[in-house]
C-alpha atoms as a PDB file:
ATOM      1  CA  MET A   1      12.435  14.941   9.293  1.00  0.00           C
ATOM      2  CA  ALA A   2      14.338  14.563   6.066  1.00  0.00           C
ATOM      3  CA  VAL A   3      13.554  12.129   3.282  1.00  0.00           C
ATOM      4  CA  SER A   4      15.486   8.912   3.820  1.00  0.00           C
ATOM      5  CA  ILE A   5      16.752   7.349   0.598  1.00  0.00           C
ATOM      6  CA  PRO A   6      16.938   3.808   2.057  1.00  0.00           C
ATOM      7  CA  VAL A   7      13.291   4.056   3.133  1.00  0.00           C
ATOM      8  CA  LEU A   8      12.270   5.169  -0.352  1.00  0.00           C
ATOM      9  CA  VAL A   9      14.270   2.345  -1.950  1.00  0.00           C
ATOM     10  CA  ILE A  10      12.659  -0.249   0.336  1.00  0.00           C
ATOM     11  CA  VAL A  11       9.134   1.087  -0.264  1.00  0.00           C
ATOM     12  CA  ILE A  12       9.601   1.218  -4.033  1.00  0.00           C
ATOM     13  CA  ALA A  13      11.177  -2.260  -4.110  1.00  0.00           C
ATOM     14  CA  LEU A  14       8.368  -3.813  -2.050  1.00  0.00           C
ATOM     15  CA  HIS A  15       5.696  -2.208  -4.222  1.00  0.00           C
ATOM     16  CA  LEU A  16       7.392  -3.233  -7.465  1.00  0.00           C
ATOM     17  CA  ILE A  17       7.862  -6.826  -6.307  1.00  0.00           C
ATOM     18  CA  ALA A  18       4.194  -6.893  -5.254  1.00  0.00           C
ATOM     19  CA  PHE A  19       3.271  -5.523  -8.692  1.00  0.00           C
ATOM     20  CA  VAL A  20       5.285  -8.235 -10.477  1.00  0.00           C
ATOM     21  CA  LEU A  21       3.703 -10.924  -8.298  1.00  0.00           C
ATOM     22  CA  ALA A  22       0.207  -9.574  -9.004  1.00  0.00           C
ATOM     23  CA  VAL A  23       0.879  -9.601 -12.758  1.00  0.00           C
ATOM     24  CA  GLY A  24       2.239 -13.136 -12.421  1.00  0.00           C
ATOM     25  CA  ALA A  25      -0.884 -14.135 -10.519  1.00  0.00           C
ATOM     26  CA  GLU A  26      -3.041 -12.768 -13.334  1.00  0.00           C
ATOM     27  CA  ARG A  27      -1.114 -14.747 -15.924  1.00  0.00           C
ATOM     28  CA  ARG A  28      -1.164 -17.991 -13.904  1.00  0.00           C
ATOM     29  CA  ARG A  29      -4.849 -18.028 -12.912  1.00  0.00           C
ATOM     30  CA  SER A  30      -6.352 -21.467 -12.433  1.00  0.00           C
ATOM     31  CA  THR A  31      -8.084 -22.888 -15.475  1.00  0.00           C
ATOM     32  CA  ALA A  32     -10.562 -25.727 -15.392  1.00  0.00           C
ATOM     33  CA  LYS A  33     -11.981 -28.155 -17.867  1.00  0.00           C
ATOM     34  CA  VAL A  34     -14.697 -30.753 -17.605  1.00  0.00           C
ATOM     35  CA  GLU A  35     -13.437 -34.331 -17.800  1.00  0.00           C
ATOM     36  CA  PRO A  36     -15.442 -37.555 -17.943  1.00  0.00           C
ATOM     37  CA  ASP A  37     -14.906 -40.043 -15.146  1.00  0.00           C
ATOM     38  CA  LYS A  38     -13.342 -43.329 -16.260  1.00  0.00           C
ATOM     39  CA  TYR A  39     -15.405 -45.459 -13.927  1.00  0.00           C
ATOM     40  CA  ASP A  40     -18.958 -44.163 -14.338  1.00  0.00           C
ATOM     41  CA  GLU A  41     -21.049 -41.802 -16.442  1.00  0.00           C
ATOM     42  CA  ARG A  42     -20.268 -38.653 -14.515  1.00  0.00           C
ATOM     43  CA  THR A  43     -18.078 -35.656 -15.198  1.00  0.00           C
ATOM     44  CA  TYR A  44     -15.897 -33.573 -12.907  1.00  0.00           C
ATOM     45  CA  CYS A  45     -13.722 -30.464 -13.039  1.00  0.00           C
ATOM     46  CA  VAL A  46      -9.970 -30.738 -13.494  1.00  0.00           C
ATOM     47  CA  TYR A  47      -8.049 -27.633 -12.397  1.00  0.00           C
ATOM     48  CA  GLY A  48      -4.662 -26.397 -13.473  1.00  0.00           C
ATOM     49  CA  THR A  49      -2.042 -24.846 -11.225  1.00  0.00           C
ATOM     50  CA  ASP A  50      -2.725 -22.892  -8.035  1.00  0.00           C
ATOM     51  CA  ALA A  51       0.387 -20.744  -8.410  1.00  0.00           C
ATOM     52  CA  SER A  52      -1.613 -17.534  -8.675  1.00  0.00           C
ATOM     53  CA  THR A  53      -3.017 -18.044  -5.186  1.00  0.00           C
ATOM     54  CA  ALA A  54       0.507 -18.052  -3.755  1.00  0.00           C
ATOM     55  CA  TYR A  55       1.547 -15.109  -5.944  1.00  0.00           C
ATOM     56  CA  GLY A  56      -1.493 -13.102  -4.883  1.00  0.00           C
ATOM     57  CA  LEU A  57      -0.956 -13.779  -1.193  1.00  0.00           C
ATOM     58  CA  ALA A  58       2.750 -12.898  -1.479  1.00  0.00           C
ATOM     59  CA  ALA A  59       1.861  -9.608  -3.189  1.00  0.00           C
ATOM     60  CA  PHE A  60      -0.721  -8.981  -0.443  1.00  0.00           C
ATOM     61  CA  GLY A  61       1.933  -9.468   2.248  1.00  0.00           C
ATOM     62  CA  LEU A  62       4.572  -7.300   0.577  1.00  0.00           C
ATOM     63  CA  LEU A  63       2.111  -4.473   0.029  1.00  0.00           C
ATOM     64  CA  LEU A  64       1.039  -4.687   3.669  1.00  0.00           C
ATOM     65  CA  ILE A  65       4.661  -4.517   4.844  1.00  0.00           C
ATOM     66  CA  SER A  66       5.355  -1.490   2.643  1.00  0.00           C
ATOM     67  CA  GLN A  67       2.275   0.414   3.828  1.00  0.00           C
ATOM     68  CA  THR A  68       3.122  -0.418   7.446  1.00  0.00           C
ATOM     69  CA  LEU A  69       6.676   0.856   6.944  1.00  0.00           C
ATOM     70  CA  VAL A  70       5.614   4.200   5.479  1.00  0.00           C
ATOM     71  CA  ASN A  71       2.914   4.801   8.066  1.00  0.00           C
ATOM     72  CA  GLY A  72       5.163   3.661  10.907  1.00  0.00           C
ATOM     73  CA  ILE A  73       7.862   6.142   9.931  1.00  0.00           C
ATOM     74  CA  THR A  74       5.432   9.028   9.486  1.00  0.00           C
ATOM     75  CA  LYS A  75       3.433   7.909  12.523  1.00  0.00           C
ATOM     76  CA  CYS A  76       0.325   7.565  10.357  1.00  0.00           C
ATOM     77  CA  LEU A  77      -0.162  11.339  10.137  1.00  0.00           C
ATOM     78  CA  CYS A  78      -2.134  11.198  13.395  1.00  0.00           C
ATOM     79  CA  PHE A  79       0.310  10.401  16.170  1.00  0.00           C
ATOM     80  CA  GLY A  80       3.406  12.300  15.121  1.00  0.00           C
ATOM     81  CA  ARG A  81       4.657  15.754  15.898  1.00  0.00           C
ATOM     82  CA  GLY A  82       2.850  18.755  14.532  1.00  0.00           C
ATOM     83  CA  MET A  83       3.252  19.804  10.930  1.00  0.00           C
ATOM     84  CA  MET A  84       3.680  23.315   9.655  1.00  0.00           C
ATOM     85  CA  GLY A  85       0.674  24.627   7.785  1.00  0.00           C
ATOM     86  CA  GLY A  86       0.753  25.302   4.093  1.00  0.00           C
ATOM     87  CA  SER A  87       0.659  23.519   0.792  1.00  0.00           C
ATOM     88  CA  SER A  88       2.994  20.715   1.912  1.00  0.00           C
ATOM     89  CA  THR A  89       0.608  19.753   4.707  1.00  0.00           C
ATOM     90  CA  THR A  90      -2.368  19.844   2.352  1.00  0.00           C
ATOM     91  CA  CYS A  91      -0.541  17.689  -0.183  1.00  0.00           C
ATOM     92  CA  ALA A  92       0.581  15.296   2.558  1.00  0.00           C
ATOM     93  CA  ILE A  93      -3.014  14.821   3.699  1.00  0.00           C
ATOM     94  CA  PHE A  94      -4.218  14.310   0.113  1.00  0.00           C
ATOM     95  CA  PHE A  95      -1.547  11.711  -0.656  1.00  0.00           C
ATOM     96  CA  PHE A  96      -2.158  10.035   2.708  1.00  0.00           C
ATOM     97  CA  VAL A  97      -5.811   9.482   1.785  1.00  0.00           C
ATOM     98  CA  PHE A  98      -4.898   8.560  -1.810  1.00  0.00           C
ATOM     99  CA  SER A  99      -2.327   5.976  -0.724  1.00  0.00           C
ATOM    100  CA  TRP A 100      -4.742   4.408   1.761  1.00  0.00           C
ATOM    101  CA  VAL A 101      -7.625   4.180  -0.718  1.00  0.00           C
ATOM    102  CA  SER A 102      -5.427   2.620  -3.406  1.00  0.00           C
ATOM    103  CA  PHE A 103      -3.788   0.339  -0.823  1.00  0.00           C
ATOM    104  CA  LEU A 104      -7.130  -0.940   0.464  1.00  0.00           C
ATOM    105  CA  GLY A 105      -8.381  -1.485  -3.088  1.00  0.00           C
ATOM    106  CA  ALA A 106      -5.245  -3.396  -4.055  1.00  0.00           C
ATOM    107  CA  GLU A 107      -5.375  -5.526  -0.912  1.00  0.00           C
ATOM    108  CA  ALA A 108      -9.054  -6.336  -1.508  1.00  0.00           C
ATOM    109  CA  CYS A 109      -8.368  -7.396  -5.110  1.00  0.00           C
ATOM    110  CA  LEU A 110      -5.352  -9.504  -4.164  1.00  0.00           C
ATOM    111  CA  LEU A 111      -7.021 -11.216  -1.222  1.00  0.00           C
ATOM    112  CA  ALA A 112     -10.345 -11.825  -2.971  1.00  0.00           C
ATOM    113  CA  GLY A 113      -8.568 -13.032  -6.103  1.00  0.00           C
ATOM    114  CA  SER A 114      -6.442 -15.447  -4.104  1.00  0.00           C
ATOM    115  CA  ALA A 115      -9.438 -16.799  -2.220  1.00  0.00           C
ATOM    116  CA  LYS A 116     -11.561 -17.216  -5.342  1.00  0.00           C
ATOM    117  CA  ASN A 117      -8.687 -18.780  -7.276  1.00  0.00           C
ATOM    118  CA  ALA A 118      -8.144 -21.344  -4.510  1.00  0.00           C
ATOM    119  CA  TYR A 119     -11.805 -22.403  -4.616  1.00  0.00           C
ATOM    120  CA  HIS A 120     -12.388 -25.525  -6.704  1.00  0.00           C
ATOM    121  CA  THR A 121     -15.730 -27.003  -7.607  1.00  0.00           C
ATOM    122  CA  LYS A 122     -16.045 -30.363  -5.899  1.00  0.00           C
ATOM    123  CA  TYR A 123     -19.335 -31.657  -7.309  1.00  0.00           C
ATOM    124  CA  ARG A 124     -19.900 -34.044 -10.164  1.00  0.00           C
ATOM    125  CA  ALA A 125     -22.655 -34.064 -12.699  1.00  0.00           C
ATOM    126  CA  ALA A 126     -24.299 -36.673 -14.865  1.00  0.00           C
ATOM    127  CA  PHE A 127     -22.454 -37.330 -18.132  1.00  0.00           C
ATOM    128  CA  GLN A 128     -25.271 -36.000 -20.283  1.00  0.00           C
ATOM    129  CA  VAL A 129     -25.182 -32.525 -18.709  1.00  0.00           C
ATOM    130  CA  GLU A 130     -23.711 -30.143 -21.255  1.00  0.00           C
ATOM    131  CA  SER A 131     -23.050 -27.145 -19.068  1.00  0.00           C
ATOM    132  CA  LEU A 132     -21.193 -28.275 -15.980  1.00  0.00           C
ATOM    133  CA  SER A 133     -19.858 -25.085 -14.427  1.00  0.00           C
ATOM    134  CA  CYS A 134     -16.348 -25.150 -13.009  1.00  0.00           C
ATOM    135  CA  ALA A 135     -15.724 -22.193 -10.719  1.00  0.00           C
ATOM    136  CA  THR A 136     -12.755 -20.089 -11.847  1.00  0.00           C
ATOM    137  CA  LEU A 137     -11.537 -16.596 -11.146  1.00  0.00           C
ATOM    138  CA  ARG A 138     -12.731 -13.901 -13.508  1.00  0.00           C
ATOM    139  CA  LYS A 139     -10.035 -12.336 -15.657  1.00  0.00           C
ATOM    140  CA  GLY A 140      -8.747  -8.961 -14.467  1.00  0.00           C
ATOM    141  CA  VAL A 141      -9.002  -9.234 -10.663  1.00  0.00           C
ATOM    142  CA  PHE A 142      -5.260  -9.580 -10.133  1.00  0.00           C
ATOM    143  CA  ALA A 143      -4.630  -7.028 -12.888  1.00  0.00           C
ATOM    144  CA  ALA A 144      -6.748  -4.509 -10.994  1.00  0.00           C
ATOM    145  CA  GLY A 145      -4.752  -5.324  -7.871  1.00  0.00           C
ATOM    146  CA  ALA A 146      -1.522  -4.742  -9.804  1.00  0.00           C
ATOM    147  CA  ALA A 147      -2.705  -1.368 -11.104  1.00  0.00           C
ATOM    148  CA  LEU A 148      -3.814  -0.283  -7.642  1.00  0.00           C
ATOM    149  CA  THR A 149      -0.450  -1.428  -6.286  1.00  0.00           C
ATOM    150  CA  LEU A 150       1.305   1.036  -8.602  1.00  0.00           C
ATOM    151  CA  LEU A 151      -1.078   3.802  -7.564  1.00  0.00           C
ATOM    152  CA  SER A 152      -0.420   2.939  -3.922  1.00  0.00           C
ATOM    153  CA  MET A 153       3.311   3.193  -4.576  1.00  0.00           C
ATOM    154  CA  ILE A 154       2.946   6.631  -6.125  1.00  0.00           C
ATOM    155  CA  GLY A 155       0.704   7.794  -3.284  1.00  0.00           C
ATOM    156  CA  SER A 156       3.042   6.429  -0.609  1.00  0.00           C
ATOM    157  CA  ILE A 157       6.128   8.052  -2.125  1.00  0.00           C
ATOM    158  CA  PHE A 158       4.499  11.466  -2.468  1.00  0.00           C
ATOM    159  CA  TYR A 159       2.919  11.169   0.984  1.00  0.00           C
ATOM    160  CA  TYR A 160       6.302  10.390   2.564  1.00  0.00           C
ATOM    161  CA  TRP A 161       8.005  13.182   0.628  1.00  0.00           C
ATOM    162  CA  LYS A 162       5.366  15.829   1.411  1.00  0.00           C
ATOM    163  CA  HIS A 163       5.102  14.716   5.032  1.00  0.00           C
ATOM    164  CA  SER A 164       8.851  15.120   5.474  1.00  0.00           C
ATOM    165  CA  LYS A 165       8.640  18.646   4.029  1.00  0.00           C
ATOM    166  CA  ALA A 166       5.721  19.593   6.280  1.00  0.00           C
ATOM    167  CA  ASP A 167       7.109  17.981   9.433  1.00  0.00           C
ATOM    168  CA  THR A 168       8.439  20.536  11.900  1.00  0.00           C
ATOM    169  CA  GLY A 169      10.662  18.087  13.697  1.00  0.00           C
ATOM    170  CA  GLY A 170       9.214  19.158  17.044  1.00  0.00           C
ATOM    171  CA  TRP A 171      10.150  22.797  16.651  1.00  0.00           C
ATOM    172  CA  GLN A 172       7.624  25.543  16.167  1.00  0.00           C
ATOM    173  CA  LYS A 173       8.384  28.559  14.056  1.00  0.00           C
ATOM    174  CA  HIS A 174       8.316  31.628  16.275  1.00  0.00           C
ATOM    175  CA  GLN A 175       8.305  35.136  14.946  1.00  0.00           C
ATOM    176  CA  ASN A 176       8.802  38.333  16.966  1.00  0.00           C
ATOM    177  CA  GLU A 177       9.247  36.418  20.203  1.00  0.00           C
ATOM    178  CA  GLY A 178      12.079  36.271  22.664  1.00  0.00           C
ATOM    179  CA  LEU A 179      14.351  38.819  24.216  1.00  0.00           C
ATOM    180  CA  GLY A 180      14.943  41.996  22.360  1.00  0.00           C
ATOM    181  CA  MET A 181      18.431  43.376  22.165  1.00  0.00           C
ATOM    182  CA  ALA A 182      18.706  46.887  23.525  1.00  0.00           C
ATOM    183  CA  ALA A 183      21.499  49.168  24.548  1.00  0.00           C
ATOM    184  CA  SER A 184      22.744  48.702  28.079  1.00  0.00           C
ATOM    185  CA  ASN A 185      22.768  51.446  30.691  1.00  0.00           C
ATOM    186  CA  TYR A 186      25.467  49.703  32.679  1.00  0.00           C
ATOM    187  CA  THR A 187      28.237  52.193  31.954  1.00  0.00           C
ATOM    188  CA  GLU A 188      26.044  55.169  32.795  1.00  0.00           C
ATOM    189  CA  SER A 189      24.949  53.734  36.131  1.00  0.00           C
ATOM    190  CA  THR A 190      28.547  52.909  37.200  1.00  0.00           C
ATOM    191  CA  GLU A 191      29.758  56.393  36.250  1.00  0.00           C
ATOM    192  CA  ARG A 192      27.090  58.083  38.364  1.00  0.00           C
ATOM    193  CA  LYS A 193      28.077  56.110  41.444  1.00  0.00           C
ATOM    194  CA  GLY A 194      31.734  56.742  41.019  1.00  0.00           C
END
């Protein structure tokens, strides 16, 4: 199997778009402030935009599509044809594990960040309470997802490249097998009969 340029372009594009969305999600995290109620002596939380939830879930989906594409083409290292031994196979296995670990970490950060960002505190407190806590997402969750997305991209590219070098394409390398070429005795046997 040779490296397919369109596959590499699609994988890189999906990862980079997911990275941009994760960075956008970090910058657009929900903010909250405590506001007094106009009608009674209670306070409540007012939240800003929920755009980062949508950005995080979009990055989650794009990263999932990219990982599925790479592992579908390479048959997830488990179900494909045999690979030739050597350094390419060792590197392919290393980058396979590396891409999966970074992918799972990025997906966990993006999904958890989106879920936590979508959560809004619904309770009210008495007006005299000084420390009403409004639940917000901690800074850096989407940034960690973005960083792991880049690592996943690097791992996926090198895994695909090394897997294509180690893939035998269904053919096994045979040495010293087959029919040997030897001189024929055909002319000698026909001369003796004649």
